[in-house]
N, C-alpha and C. Protein backbone atom coordinates (compact mmCIF):
# COMPACT_ATOMS: atom_id res chain seq x y z
N MET A 1 33.83 -46.09 -5.68
CA MET A 1 34.42 -47.03 -5.36
C MET A 1 35.17 -47.75 -4.73
N ALA A 2 35.55 -49.09 -4.69
CA ALA A 2 36.90 -49.83 -3.96
C ALA A 2 37.36 -50.85 -4.41
N PHE A 3 38.47 -50.74 -4.04
CA PHE A 3 39.30 -51.96 -5.15
C PHE A 3 39.94 -52.60 -4.00
N CYS A 4 39.99 -54.61 -4.05
CA CYS A 4 40.97 -55.17 -3.65
C CYS A 4 42.60 -54.57 -3.63
N SER A 5 43.00 -54.26 -2.24
CA SER A 5 44.73 -54.03 -2.28
C SER A 5 45.28 -55.54 -2.92
N ASN A 6 44.95 -56.81 -2.78
CA ASN A 6 45.47 -57.73 -3.41
C ASN A 6 45.36 -58.34 -4.77
N CYS A 7 44.08 -58.28 -5.67
CA CYS A 7 43.75 -58.37 -6.88
C CYS A 7 43.50 -57.33 -7.51
N GLY A 8 43.48 -56.31 -7.31
CA GLY A 8 43.03 -54.95 -7.88
C GLY A 8 41.55 -54.79 -8.38
N LYS A 9 40.77 -56.39 -8.20
CA LYS A 9 39.53 -56.24 -9.24
C LYS A 9 38.66 -55.29 -7.78
N GLU A 10 37.52 -54.66 -8.48
CA GLU A 10 36.54 -53.48 -7.79
C GLU A 10 35.79 -54.21 -6.87
N LEU A 11 35.30 -53.67 -5.89
CA LEU A 11 34.48 -54.58 -4.82
C LEU A 11 32.86 -53.70 -5.12
N ILE A 12 32.43 -54.40 -5.18
CA ILE A 12 30.65 -54.21 -4.88
C ILE A 12 30.01 -54.47 -3.79
N GLY A 13 29.36 -53.46 -3.19
CA GLY A 13 28.80 -53.15 -1.86
C GLY A 13 30.03 -52.81 -0.97
N ASP A 14 29.31 -53.38 0.37
CA ASP A 14 30.59 -53.52 1.61
C ASP A 14 30.84 -54.97 1.95
N PRO A 15 31.66 -55.90 1.10
CA PRO A 15 32.00 -56.99 1.31
C PRO A 15 33.35 -57.33 2.30
N ASP A 16 33.29 -58.18 3.10
CA ASP A 16 34.23 -59.30 4.07
C ASP A 16 35.54 -59.23 3.67
N MET A 17 35.01 -59.91 2.04
CA MET A 17 35.81 -60.84 1.52
C MET A 17 36.30 -60.28 -0.10
N CYS A 18 37.12 -60.22 -0.80
CA CYS A 18 37.06 -60.20 -2.17
C CYS A 18 36.94 -61.40 -3.06
N VAL A 19 35.66 -61.46 -3.79
CA VAL A 19 35.17 -62.65 -4.42
C VAL A 19 36.04 -63.19 -4.80
N ASN A 20 36.55 -62.25 -5.83
CA ASN A 20 38.06 -62.52 -6.85
C ASN A 20 39.31 -63.62 -6.30
N CYS A 21 39.43 -63.36 -5.21
CA CYS A 21 41.10 -63.48 -4.69
C CYS A 21 40.23 -64.26 -3.66
N GLY A 22 39.64 -64.04 -2.68
CA GLY A 22 39.33 -65.13 -1.52
C GLY A 22 40.31 -64.22 -0.64
N VAL A 23 40.35 -63.03 -0.13
CA VAL A 23 41.59 -63.08 0.79
C VAL A 23 40.47 -61.80 1.75
N VAL A 24 40.66 -61.99 2.59
CA VAL A 24 39.46 -61.40 3.91
C VAL A 24 40.25 -59.92 3.96
N LEU A 25 39.12 -59.35 3.87
CA LEU A 25 39.63 -57.17 4.00
C LEU A 25 39.08 -56.85 5.16
N LYS A 26 40.10 -56.51 5.64
CA LYS A 26 39.71 -55.21 6.55
C LYS A 26 39.77 -53.97 6.33
N LYS A 27 38.78 -53.18 6.54
CA LYS A 27 38.27 -51.84 6.71
C LYS A 27 39.08 -50.92 7.13
N GLU A 28 39.05 -49.97 6.74
CA GLU A 28 40.04 -48.35 7.29
C GLU A 28 38.83 -47.47 7.02
N LYS A 29 39.10 -46.75 7.21
CA LYS A 29 38.07 -45.27 7.07
C LYS A 29 38.13 -44.66 5.55
N THR A 30 38.89 -45.01 4.80
CA THR A 30 38.95 -44.79 3.33
C THR A 30 38.18 -45.99 2.81
N SER A 31 38.02 -45.60 1.19
CA SER A 31 36.70 -46.21 0.37
C SER A 31 38.14 -47.43 -0.39
N THR A 32 39.24 -47.69 0.06
CA THR A 32 39.67 -48.53 -0.19
C THR A 32 39.95 -49.85 0.99
N TYR A 33 39.63 -50.94 0.49
CA TYR A 33 40.06 -52.37 1.38
C TYR A 33 41.45 -53.04 1.12
N HIS A 34 41.92 -53.26 2.27
CA HIS A 34 43.63 -53.79 2.45
C HIS A 34 43.36 -55.51 2.50
N ALA A 35 44.25 -56.24 2.46
CA ALA A 35 44.24 -57.05 2.38
C ALA A 35 45.57 -57.17 3.53
N PRO A 36 45.88 -58.33 4.49
CA PRO A 36 46.72 -58.64 5.21
C PRO A 36 47.67 -58.90 4.50
N GLN A 37 48.97 -57.95 4.83
CA GLN A 37 49.98 -58.30 4.28
C GLN A 37 51.06 -59.03 4.82
N HIS A 38 50.93 -60.32 4.09
CA HIS A 38 52.18 -61.75 4.40
C HIS A 38 53.61 -61.90 4.21
N ASN A 39 54.55 -61.59 4.65
CA ASN A 39 55.81 -61.72 4.22
C ASN A 39 56.57 -62.42 4.13
N ILE A 40 55.78 -63.76 3.62
CA ILE A 40 56.08 -64.64 2.60
C ILE A 40 56.62 -64.39 1.53
N ALA A 41 57.91 -65.00 0.44
CA ALA A 41 58.44 -64.91 -0.31
C ALA A 41 57.47 -65.92 -0.93
N PRO A 42 57.01 -65.31 -2.35
CA PRO A 42 56.51 -66.71 -3.20
C PRO A 42 57.58 -67.31 -3.55
N THR A 43 56.81 -69.06 -3.76
CA THR A 43 57.94 -69.87 -4.18
C THR A 43 57.15 -70.21 -5.54
N PRO A 44 58.81 -70.24 -6.80
CA PRO A 44 58.90 -70.55 -7.68
C PRO A 44 58.09 -71.95 -8.20
N ALA A 45 57.44 -71.99 -9.14
CA ALA A 45 57.14 -73.29 -9.51
C ALA A 45 57.74 -74.36 -9.88
N PRO A 46 58.09 -75.37 -9.70
CA PRO A 46 59.04 -76.44 -10.24
C PRO A 46 59.08 -76.61 -11.95
N SER A 47 60.23 -76.58 -11.98
CA SER A 47 60.18 -76.90 -14.06
C SER A 47 60.93 -78.16 -14.02
N TYR A 48 60.38 -78.84 -14.98
CA TYR A 48 60.28 -80.82 -14.84
C TYR A 48 60.82 -80.62 -16.39
N GLN A 49 61.18 -79.00 -17.63
CA GLN A 49 61.82 -79.30 -18.39
C GLN A 49 63.24 -79.27 -18.04
N GLN A 50 63.94 -80.39 -18.49
CA GLN A 50 65.60 -80.56 -18.78
C GLN A 50 65.96 -79.13 -19.77
N GLN A 51 67.07 -78.68 -19.99
CA GLN A 51 67.43 -77.92 -20.39
C GLN A 51 68.54 -78.22 -21.07
N TYR A 52 68.70 -79.07 -22.24
CA TYR A 52 69.48 -78.77 -23.74
C TYR A 52 70.35 -78.25 -24.44
N PRO A 53 71.43 -78.25 -24.39
CA PRO A 53 72.20 -76.96 -25.44
C PRO A 53 71.74 -76.99 -26.80
N GLN A 54 71.73 -75.84 -27.21
CA GLN A 54 71.18 -76.07 -28.73
C GLN A 54 72.44 -75.83 -29.81
N GLN A 55 72.33 -76.59 -30.50
CA GLN A 55 72.97 -76.76 -31.59
C GLN A 55 73.03 -75.61 -32.67
N HIS A 56 74.00 -75.22 -33.40
CA HIS A 56 73.64 -74.12 -34.65
C HIS A 56 74.21 -74.48 -35.46
N TYR A 57 73.37 -74.87 -37.06
CA TYR A 57 73.91 -75.70 -38.11
C TYR A 57 74.40 -74.29 -39.04
N PRO A 58 74.89 -74.54 -39.85
CA PRO A 58 75.28 -73.26 -40.83
C PRO A 58 74.17 -73.71 -42.03
N GLN A 59 73.29 -72.72 -42.39
CA GLN A 59 72.67 -72.43 -43.57
C GLN A 59 73.79 -72.96 -44.86
N GLN A 60 73.11 -73.54 -45.85
CA GLN A 60 73.10 -73.80 -47.18
C GLN A 60 72.76 -72.48 -48.18
N GLN A 61 73.97 -72.18 -48.64
CA GLN A 61 73.39 -70.78 -49.52
C GLN A 61 73.36 -71.47 -50.92
N TYR A 62 72.09 -71.49 -51.35
CA TYR A 62 72.02 -71.86 -52.95
C TYR A 62 71.87 -70.53 -54.16
N PRO A 63 72.40 -70.88 -55.18
CA PRO A 63 72.62 -69.13 -55.91
C PRO A 63 71.17 -69.08 -56.32
N PRO A 64 70.64 -68.25 -57.25
CA PRO A 64 69.71 -67.56 -57.42
C PRO A 64 69.25 -68.58 -58.91
N GLN A 65 67.95 -68.85 -59.19
CA GLN A 65 67.25 -69.27 -60.28
C GLN A 65 67.46 -68.75 -61.45
N GLN A 66 67.67 -69.06 -62.59
CA GLN A 66 67.24 -68.39 -63.79
C GLN A 66 66.44 -68.94 -64.28
N TYR A 67 65.22 -68.36 -64.48
CA TYR A 67 64.15 -68.65 -65.51
C TYR A 67 64.22 -67.79 -66.86
N ALA A 68 65.17 -67.00 -66.57
CA ALA A 68 64.54 -65.63 -68.21
C ALA A 68 64.68 -66.42 -69.50
N ASN A 69 65.93 -67.23 -69.93
CA ASN A 69 65.43 -68.07 -71.13
C ASN A 69 64.38 -68.78 -70.90
N GLN A 70 63.90 -69.46 -70.02
CA GLN A 70 62.48 -70.15 -70.01
C GLN A 70 61.27 -69.67 -70.19
N PRO A 71 60.55 -69.94 -71.32
CA PRO A 71 58.85 -68.47 -70.92
C PRO A 71 58.27 -69.42 -69.87
N TYR A 72 58.27 -70.86 -69.92
CA TYR A 72 57.17 -71.88 -69.36
C TYR A 72 58.30 -72.79 -68.85
N PRO A 73 58.53 -72.65 -67.66
CA PRO A 73 59.31 -73.96 -66.90
C PRO A 73 58.96 -75.13 -67.45
N GLN A 74 59.17 -76.48 -67.21
CA GLN A 74 58.72 -77.32 -66.95
C GLN A 74 58.38 -78.25 -65.60
N SER A 75 57.02 -78.33 -65.34
CA SER A 75 56.98 -78.78 -63.67
C SER A 75 57.45 -80.60 -63.92
N GLN A 76 57.98 -81.07 -62.86
CA GLN A 76 57.98 -82.08 -63.04
C GLN A 76 57.29 -83.21 -62.97
N TYR A 77 56.21 -82.99 -62.19
CA TYR A 77 54.68 -83.14 -61.82
C TYR A 77 53.92 -83.24 -63.14
N GLY A 78 53.84 -82.03 -63.98
CA GLY A 78 52.89 -82.21 -64.55
C GLY A 78 51.56 -81.47 -63.59
N MET A 79 51.54 -80.74 -62.59
CA MET A 79 50.39 -79.79 -62.05
C MET A 79 49.86 -78.73 -62.39
N ALA A 80 48.41 -78.78 -62.23
CA ALA A 80 47.88 -77.50 -63.03
C ALA A 80 48.29 -76.23 -63.32
N GLY A 81 48.11 -75.49 -64.66
CA GLY A 81 48.76 -73.97 -64.45
C GLY A 81 50.07 -73.81 -64.29
N GLN A 82 51.04 -75.06 -64.49
CA GLN A 82 52.72 -74.88 -64.96
C GLN A 82 52.84 -75.72 -65.56
N GLY A 83 53.96 -74.88 -66.06
CA GLY A 83 54.61 -75.59 -67.91
C GLY A 83 53.87 -75.49 -68.57
N VAL A 84 54.42 -76.49 -69.45
CA VAL A 84 53.89 -76.27 -70.59
C VAL A 84 53.62 -78.07 -71.31
N SER A 85 52.48 -77.89 -72.11
CA SER A 85 51.60 -79.21 -72.16
C SER A 85 51.71 -79.92 -72.93
N ASP A 86 51.88 -81.50 -72.91
CA ASP A 86 52.70 -82.67 -73.34
C ASP A 86 51.67 -82.98 -74.63
N LYS A 87 50.04 -82.27 -75.27
CA LYS A 87 49.83 -81.85 -76.81
C LYS A 87 50.66 -81.61 -77.28
N GLN A 88 50.62 -82.36 -78.78
CA GLN A 88 51.19 -81.85 -79.83
C GLN A 88 50.51 -80.82 -80.62
N LYS A 89 51.50 -79.73 -80.85
CA LYS A 89 51.01 -78.33 -81.42
C LYS A 89 50.73 -79.12 -83.00
N MET A 90 51.24 -79.82 -83.83
CA MET A 90 50.89 -79.89 -84.78
C MET A 90 49.62 -80.69 -85.16
N VAL A 91 49.78 -81.82 -84.30
CA VAL A 91 48.10 -82.40 -84.25
C VAL A 91 46.75 -81.71 -84.09
N VAL A 92 46.93 -80.64 -82.79
CA VAL A 92 45.79 -79.75 -82.68
C VAL A 92 45.51 -78.54 -83.50
N ALA A 93 46.64 -78.44 -84.45
CA ALA A 93 46.10 -77.57 -85.62
C ALA A 93 46.04 -78.37 -86.91
N LEU A 94 45.75 -79.65 -86.94
CA LEU A 94 45.46 -79.79 -87.92
C LEU A 94 44.02 -81.02 -87.77
N LEU A 95 43.29 -81.41 -86.58
CA LEU A 95 42.57 -81.51 -85.90
C LEU A 95 41.46 -80.38 -86.05
N ALA A 96 41.77 -78.54 -85.57
CA ALA A 96 41.12 -77.90 -86.01
C ALA A 96 41.13 -77.27 -87.20
N PHE A 97 41.98 -77.57 -88.02
CA PHE A 97 41.85 -77.43 -89.54
C PHE A 97 40.68 -78.15 -90.20
N PHE A 98 40.78 -79.36 -90.19
CA PHE A 98 39.83 -80.28 -90.66
C PHE A 98 38.78 -80.43 -90.09
N LEU A 99 38.81 -81.07 -88.78
CA LEU A 99 37.51 -80.67 -87.98
C LEU A 99 36.99 -80.32 -87.09
N GLY A 100 37.24 -78.59 -86.92
CA GLY A 100 37.07 -77.86 -85.89
C GLY A 100 36.08 -77.10 -85.60
N THR A 101 34.76 -77.43 -86.57
CA THR A 101 33.87 -77.00 -86.34
C THR A 101 32.79 -78.08 -85.77
N VAL A 102 33.10 -79.79 -85.34
CA VAL A 102 32.51 -80.15 -84.33
C VAL A 102 33.48 -79.75 -83.02
N GLY A 103 34.31 -79.80 -83.31
CA GLY A 103 35.57 -79.36 -81.58
C GLY A 103 36.21 -80.73 -81.11
N ILE A 104 36.71 -81.32 -82.45
CA ILE A 104 37.98 -82.39 -82.21
C ILE A 104 39.08 -82.14 -81.59
N HIS A 105 39.21 -81.11 -81.96
CA HIS A 105 40.81 -80.49 -80.86
C HIS A 105 40.45 -79.99 -79.79
N ARG A 106 39.10 -79.56 -79.40
CA ARG A 106 39.32 -79.23 -77.74
C ARG A 106 39.13 -80.69 -77.29
N PHE A 107 38.76 -81.73 -77.57
CA PHE A 107 38.47 -83.39 -77.27
C PHE A 107 39.34 -83.25 -76.97
N TYR A 108 40.53 -83.08 -77.61
CA TYR A 108 42.24 -84.11 -77.77
C TYR A 108 42.99 -82.88 -76.56
N THR A 109 42.61 -81.69 -76.15
CA THR A 109 43.87 -81.09 -75.31
C THR A 109 42.88 -80.78 -74.15
N GLY A 110 41.27 -81.86 -73.93
CA GLY A 110 40.82 -81.94 -72.79
C GLY A 110 39.68 -80.94 -72.25
N LYS A 111 39.43 -79.95 -72.97
CA LYS A 111 38.36 -78.89 -73.12
C LYS A 111 37.17 -79.63 -73.77
N VAL A 112 36.37 -80.39 -72.94
CA VAL A 112 35.69 -81.53 -73.34
C VAL A 112 34.27 -80.66 -73.18
N GLY A 113 33.96 -79.62 -72.41
CA GLY A 113 32.81 -78.79 -72.00
C GLY A 113 32.43 -78.14 -73.64
N THR A 114 33.38 -77.11 -73.60
CA THR A 114 33.37 -76.51 -75.17
C THR A 114 33.27 -77.52 -76.34
N GLY A 115 34.23 -78.46 -76.43
CA GLY A 115 33.92 -79.02 -77.22
C GLY A 115 32.77 -79.76 -78.17
N VAL A 116 32.07 -80.19 -76.60
CA VAL A 116 31.06 -80.52 -76.77
C VAL A 116 29.59 -79.35 -77.35
N ALA A 117 29.97 -78.51 -76.67
CA ALA A 117 29.03 -77.21 -77.24
C ALA A 117 29.36 -76.80 -79.03
N MET A 118 30.65 -77.00 -79.10
CA MET A 118 30.89 -76.88 -80.71
C MET A 118 30.01 -77.87 -81.51
N ALA A 119 29.88 -79.16 -80.93
CA ALA A 119 29.76 -80.14 -82.05
C ALA A 119 27.97 -79.76 -82.00
N ILE A 120 27.54 -79.99 -80.83
CA ILE A 120 25.78 -79.52 -80.63
C ILE A 120 25.82 -78.22 -81.24
N ILE A 121 26.05 -77.22 -81.47
CA ILE A 121 25.96 -76.06 -82.47
C ILE A 121 25.63 -76.68 -83.98
N THR A 122 27.09 -77.24 -83.90
CA THR A 122 27.47 -77.49 -85.51
C THR A 122 26.08 -78.43 -86.24
N VAL A 123 25.91 -79.20 -84.98
CA VAL A 123 25.05 -80.45 -85.51
C VAL A 123 23.30 -79.91 -85.56
N ILE A 124 23.01 -78.66 -84.43
CA ILE A 124 21.72 -78.44 -84.67
C ILE A 124 21.85 -77.00 -85.63
N GLY A 125 23.05 -76.87 -86.07
CA GLY A 125 23.06 -75.96 -87.61
C GLY A 125 22.62 -76.93 -88.72
N TRP A 126 23.27 -77.53 -89.03
CA TRP A 126 22.88 -78.44 -90.08
C TRP A 126 21.91 -79.10 -90.18
N ILE A 127 20.68 -79.57 -88.88
CA ILE A 127 19.88 -79.75 -88.96
C ILE A 127 18.87 -78.70 -89.68
N THR A 128 18.85 -77.45 -88.89
CA THR A 128 18.33 -76.52 -89.39
C THR A 128 18.90 -75.25 -90.72
N SER A 129 19.33 -75.96 -90.95
CA SER A 129 20.04 -75.80 -92.36
C SER A 129 19.07 -75.11 -93.69
N ILE A 130 17.82 -75.96 -93.38
CA ILE A 130 17.14 -75.43 -94.36
C ILE A 130 16.11 -73.85 -94.06
N PHE A 131 16.47 -73.78 -92.75
CA PHE A 131 16.45 -71.90 -92.41
C PHE A 131 17.51 -71.08 -92.10
N ILE A 132 17.46 -70.03 -92.28
CA ILE A 132 18.73 -68.86 -92.29
C ILE A 132 19.28 -69.04 -90.82
N PHE A 133 18.72 -69.35 -89.86
CA PHE A 133 18.74 -69.94 -88.68
C PHE A 133 19.89 -70.49 -88.21
N GLY A 134 20.23 -71.94 -89.38
CA GLY A 134 20.70 -72.75 -89.50
C GLY A 134 22.52 -72.29 -90.24
N TYR A 135 22.03 -71.68 -91.00
CA TYR A 135 23.45 -71.33 -91.52
C TYR A 135 23.95 -70.43 -90.66
N ILE A 136 23.80 -69.27 -90.05
CA ILE A 136 24.25 -68.07 -88.92
C ILE A 136 25.46 -69.56 -87.51
N LEU A 137 24.33 -70.54 -87.55
CA LEU A 137 25.30 -71.38 -86.40
C LEU A 137 26.32 -71.49 -86.77
N ILE A 138 26.18 -72.78 -88.23
CA ILE A 138 27.25 -72.90 -88.78
C ILE A 138 28.83 -72.23 -89.00
N VAL A 139 27.85 -71.06 -89.64
CA VAL A 139 29.19 -70.03 -89.55
C VAL A 139 30.01 -69.27 -88.94
N ALA A 140 29.14 -69.48 -87.29
CA ALA A 140 29.76 -69.17 -86.42
C ALA A 140 30.24 -70.24 -85.52
N THR A 141 30.24 -71.34 -85.72
CA THR A 141 31.04 -72.28 -85.11
C THR A 141 32.16 -72.29 -86.01
N GLY A 142 31.96 -72.33 -87.61
CA GLY A 142 33.78 -72.32 -88.39
C GLY A 142 34.40 -70.87 -87.91
N LEU A 143 34.00 -69.73 -87.40
CA LEU A 143 34.43 -68.41 -87.10
C LEU A 143 35.24 -69.36 -85.73
N TRP A 144 34.59 -69.45 -84.88
CA TRP A 144 35.37 -70.07 -83.59
C TRP A 144 36.51 -71.31 -83.91
N ALA A 145 35.96 -72.00 -84.62
CA ALA A 145 37.25 -73.17 -84.97
C ALA A 145 38.54 -72.38 -85.86
N LEU A 146 37.94 -71.27 -86.80
CA LEU A 146 39.09 -70.56 -87.27
C LEU A 146 39.91 -69.59 -86.12
N ILE A 147 39.57 -69.15 -85.28
CA ILE A 147 39.96 -68.56 -84.35
C ILE A 147 40.73 -69.32 -83.54
N ASP A 148 40.29 -70.69 -83.07
CA ASP A 148 40.81 -71.46 -82.50
C ASP A 148 42.75 -72.07 -83.40
N PHE A 149 42.11 -72.27 -84.30
CA PHE A 149 43.41 -72.67 -85.43
C PHE A 149 44.68 -71.27 -85.73
N ILE A 150 44.40 -70.04 -85.26
CA ILE A 150 45.23 -69.44 -85.65
C ILE A 150 45.64 -68.99 -84.33
N MET A 151 45.11 -69.10 -83.28
CA MET A 151 45.60 -68.96 -81.81
C MET A 151 46.56 -70.35 -81.19
N ILE A 152 45.99 -71.78 -82.06
CA ILE A 152 47.12 -72.76 -82.25
C ILE A 152 48.23 -72.45 -82.88
N LEU A 153 48.29 -71.97 -83.65
CA LEU A 153 49.53 -71.22 -84.56
C LEU A 153 50.04 -70.40 -83.99
N MET A 154 49.91 -69.85 -83.01
CA MET A 154 50.43 -68.42 -82.30
C MET A 154 51.09 -68.93 -80.92
N GLY A 155 50.66 -70.09 -80.60
CA GLY A 155 50.96 -70.50 -79.30
C GLY A 155 50.05 -70.04 -78.25
N LYS A 156 49.14 -69.76 -78.32
CA LYS A 156 48.26 -68.64 -77.21
C LYS A 156 47.42 -70.30 -77.08
N PHE A 157 46.65 -70.90 -77.86
CA PHE A 157 46.21 -72.06 -77.22
C PHE A 157 46.74 -72.65 -76.24
N THR A 158 45.65 -73.05 -74.85
CA THR A 158 45.64 -73.65 -74.24
C THR A 158 45.38 -75.27 -74.00
N ASP A 159 45.85 -75.70 -73.24
CA ASP A 159 45.07 -77.36 -72.68
C ASP A 159 44.07 -76.99 -71.48
N LYS A 160 43.20 -78.04 -70.57
CA LYS A 160 42.53 -78.34 -70.18
C LYS A 160 43.18 -77.48 -68.59
N TYR A 161 44.37 -77.28 -68.55
CA TYR A 161 44.55 -77.41 -67.28
C TYR A 161 45.50 -75.57 -67.59
N GLY A 162 45.07 -74.86 -68.66
CA GLY A 162 45.61 -73.31 -69.04
C GLY A 162 47.27 -73.69 -69.23
N ARG A 163 47.87 -74.89 -69.52
CA ARG A 163 49.23 -75.00 -69.81
C ARG A 163 49.11 -74.56 -71.57
N PRO A 164 50.04 -73.72 -72.19
CA PRO A 164 49.90 -73.64 -73.27
C PRO A 164 50.77 -74.83 -74.45
N ILE A 165 50.27 -74.64 -75.60
CA ILE A 165 50.11 -76.20 -76.41
C ILE A 165 51.68 -75.57 -77.37
N VAL A 166 52.72 -75.63 -76.98
CA VAL A 166 53.84 -74.91 -77.77
C VAL A 166 54.73 -75.42 -78.27
N ASN A 167 54.72 -77.34 -78.32
CA ASN A 167 55.75 -78.18 -78.92
C ASN A 167 54.78 -78.45 -80.34
């Protein structure tokens, strides 16, 4: 194998010129091709960037934030998943106790999909109450509403953004 002494690229065959850098090669008895040496120093490329002095500004030091006493810090803009819900715990609890089987408390908290599911299951249960299947549906939504009511009283029930209803 032969290599160009100018660019170091492998030369294939017996070339007179390097295809990579374009230097005319002179042949020696060894397998290395040498480019003619020029004693011209390379000139650096002109720099058009003006050098400006760097200014160093001191960094502001802030005290560490303490959130130990606040289990759910209130978000300034009410972003999803942060802070506590703006819904009233008492209103949600009363809706769940009196109208829980039709999912009104879930509509109030923004959980529309599960509220519609509870309402549909309850209506189907009452329509098919002449069969045993209808009573099973009514009891199932009643248990669902009871579990929601207990979760609301414990402060574990959340709104549609996942924020707990604790007010």
